[in-house]
Amino acid sequence: ASDVYKRQNLGDVMKESASIALQYVKANAARFGIAPEAFADHNLHIHVPEGAIPKDGPSAGITMATSIVSAFTRRRIREKTAMTGEITLRGKVLPVGGIKEKLLAARRAGIDHIIISAENRPDVEEIDQRYMDGMTFTYVDTVNDVIADALI
């Protein structure tokens, strides 16, 4: 497949992840302390620049949902936290690939707290633990678990 096709396909996956994140937050607005009319009163734009860093659409699901809740509740996200995980419309956090590369990149960036699908625990345990020293992990099953851990 051509690079243009791959970028378009990735763009579609990213749009789908953003849509799922938004729909989940809307459906659970009361749980997060968001007034339902907030979605009608405000515009929301999720910008994912093309840049040099490759992005995996599904992996950004929990990050997008957390960002949406943060924006509407004005609650900050815990510092030095990274997260990765795909979400379903029912709020389940699914495992994603590339865990070793993502964790090593997070470490290089000074991240010390990772939120990740409970189903990815074996992937983390396979990594030489000397690379994970000083990092803490929260293993989650649902978007609600992510929000509870990430927002302060």
Protein backbone atom coordinates (compact mmCIF):
# COMPACT_ATOMS: atom_id res chain seq x y z
CA ALA A 1 0.00 0.00 0.00
CA SER A 2 1.15 3.52 -0.69
CA ASP A 3 2.25 5.88 2.07
CA VAL A 4 -0.69 8.15 1.29
CA TYR A 5 -3.12 5.25 1.74
CA LYS A 6 -1.44 4.21 5.00
CA ARG A 7 -1.68 7.78 6.37
CA GLN A 8 -5.34 8.00 5.36
CA ASN A 9 -6.08 4.64 6.95
CA LEU A 10 -4.30 5.67 10.15
CA GLY A 11 -6.25 8.92 10.07
CA ASP A 12 -9.51 6.96 9.89
CA VAL A 13 -8.45 4.78 12.82
CA MET A 14 -7.52 7.88 14.85
CA LYS A 15 -10.88 9.50 14.03
CA GLU A 16 -12.69 6.35 15.11
CA SER A 17 -10.76 6.29 18.41
CA ALA A 18 -11.60 9.94 19.04
CA SER A 19 -15.26 9.30 18.22
CA ILE A 20 -15.45 6.30 20.57
CA ALA A 21 -13.75 8.29 23.35
CA LEU A 22 -16.17 11.20 22.95
CA GLN A 23 -19.25 8.96 22.78
CA TYR A 24 -18.16 7.09 25.91
CA VAL A 25 -17.60 10.32 27.84
CA LYS A 26 -20.95 11.73 26.67
CA ALA A 27 -22.77 8.53 27.70
CA ASN A 28 -21.13 8.66 31.13
CA ALA A 29 -21.07 12.43 31.62
CA ALA A 30 -22.87 12.35 34.97
CA ARG A 31 -20.39 9.81 36.33
CA PHE A 32 -17.55 12.23 35.53
CA GLY A 33 -19.37 15.29 36.87
CA ILE A 34 -20.03 16.77 33.43
CA ALA A 35 -23.36 18.46 32.77
CA PRO A 36 -24.92 16.89 29.66
CA GLU A 37 -25.58 20.32 28.14
CA ALA A 38 -21.82 21.03 28.23
CA PHE A 39 -21.46 19.11 24.99
CA ALA A 40 -24.03 21.30 23.27
CA ASP A 41 -22.56 24.52 24.67
CA HIS A 42 -18.93 23.85 23.71
CA ASN A 43 -17.05 22.73 20.64
CA LEU A 44 -14.44 20.02 20.95
CA HIS A 45 -11.52 19.59 18.58
CA ILE A 46 -8.93 16.86 18.96
CA HIS A 47 -5.85 17.75 16.96
CA VAL A 48 -3.29 15.06 16.19
CA PRO A 49 -0.52 16.63 14.10
CA GLU A 50 1.13 14.48 11.46
CA GLY A 51 4.69 15.27 12.57
CA ALA A 52 7.55 12.80 12.63
CA ILE A 53 6.19 10.65 15.47
CA PRO A 54 4.12 7.71 14.25
CA LYS A 55 0.79 7.36 16.03
CA ASP A 56 -1.30 4.27 16.53
CA GLY A 57 -4.96 5.27 16.59
CA PRO A 58 -6.40 2.62 18.90
CA SER A 59 -3.58 3.04 21.41
CA ALA A 60 -4.66 6.62 22.02
CA GLY A 61 -8.22 5.73 23.11
CA ILE A 62 -7.74 6.08 26.87
CA THR A 63 -5.61 9.19 26.40
CA MET A 64 -8.30 10.89 24.33
CA ALA A 65 -11.07 9.95 26.78
CA THR A 66 -8.99 11.23 29.69
CA SER A 67 -8.23 14.48 27.86
CA ILE A 68 -11.92 15.03 27.11
CA VAL A 69 -12.93 14.48 30.74
CA SER A 70 -10.06 16.74 31.86
CA ALA A 71 -11.16 19.52 29.50
CA PHE A 72 -14.81 19.43 30.55
CA THR A 73 -14.17 19.06 34.29
CA ARG A 74 -11.08 21.31 34.40
CA ARG A 75 -9.29 18.62 36.41
CA ARG A 76 -5.61 18.26 35.65
CA ILE A 77 -3.90 15.06 34.61
CA ARG A 78 -1.24 13.79 37.00
CA GLU A 79 2.24 14.98 36.02
CA LYS A 80 4.75 12.65 34.40
CA THR A 81 2.02 10.20 33.45
CA ALA A 82 1.69 8.33 30.18
CA MET A 83 -1.05 5.96 29.13
CA THR A 84 -1.87 3.66 26.28
CA GLY A 85 -4.89 1.51 25.58
CA GLU A 86 -7.75 1.03 23.17
CA ILE A 87 -11.30 1.53 24.43
CA THR A 88 -14.64 0.04 23.52
CA LEU A 89 -17.99 1.84 23.47
CA ARG A 90 -18.75 0.15 26.79
CA GLY A 91 -15.55 1.52 28.35
CA LYS A 92 -13.42 -1.61 28.45
CA VAL A 93 -9.69 -0.95 28.04
CA LEU A 94 -8.18 -3.34 25.50
CA PRO A 95 -4.50 -4.26 25.25
CA VAL A 96 -2.30 -2.70 22.58
CA GLY A 97 0.98 -3.58 20.90
CA GLY A 98 4.43 -2.05 20.97
CA ILE A 99 4.55 -1.93 24.77
CA LYS A 100 8.32 -2.27 25.10
CA GLU A 101 8.99 0.57 22.67
CA LYS A 102 6.36 2.79 24.27
CA LEU A 103 7.68 2.22 27.79
CA LEU A 104 11.29 2.83 26.81
CA ALA A 105 10.26 6.06 25.06
CA ALA A 106 8.29 7.12 28.14
CA ARG A 107 11.31 6.47 30.34
CA ARG A 108 13.54 8.55 28.04
CA ALA A 109 10.98 11.36 28.29
CA GLY A 110 11.11 11.35 32.10
CA ILE A 111 7.73 9.69 32.62
CA ASP A 112 7.49 7.80 35.89
CA HIS A 113 3.86 6.65 35.94
CA ILE A 114 2.20 4.46 33.29
CA ILE A 115 -1.48 3.61 32.94
CA ILE A 116 -1.98 0.52 30.81
CA SER A 117 -4.48 -2.27 30.16
CA ALA A 118 -4.38 -5.07 32.73
CA GLU A 119 -4.13 -7.43 29.76
CA ASN A 120 -0.75 -5.86 28.87
CA ARG A 121 0.80 -6.83 32.22
CA PRO A 122 2.61 -9.84 30.69
CA ASP A 123 4.19 -7.53 28.09
CA VAL A 124 5.55 -5.30 30.87
CA GLU A 125 6.82 -8.29 32.85
CA GLU A 126 8.83 -9.48 29.80
CA ILE A 127 10.90 -6.27 29.78
CA ASP A 128 14.20 -6.30 31.65
CA GLN A 129 13.15 -4.71 34.94
CA ARG A 130 16.28 -2.56 35.18
CA TYR A 131 14.68 -0.42 32.45
CA MET A 132 11.50 -0.08 34.50
CA ASP A 133 13.16 0.90 37.82
CA GLY A 134 11.58 4.03 39.22
CA MET A 135 8.43 3.65 37.15
CA THR A 136 5.05 2.77 38.63
CA PHE A 137 2.26 1.06 36.74
CA THR A 138 -1.50 1.19 37.12
CA TYR A 139 -3.14 -1.71 35.33
CA VAL A 140 -6.71 -0.89 34.33
CA ASP A 141 -9.76 -2.70 33.02
CA THR A 142 -12.08 0.24 32.31
CA VAL A 143 -11.98 3.89 31.30
CA ASN A 144 -13.40 4.68 34.75
CA ASP A 145 -10.27 3.13 36.30
CA VAL A 146 -8.12 5.35 34.03
CA ILE A 147 -9.97 8.54 34.98
CA ALA A 148 -9.81 7.70 38.70
CA ASP A 149 -6.03 7.24 38.49
CA ALA A 150 -5.06 9.95 36.01
CA LEU A 151 -7.03 13.01 37.07
CA ILE A 152 -6.15 15.03 40.16
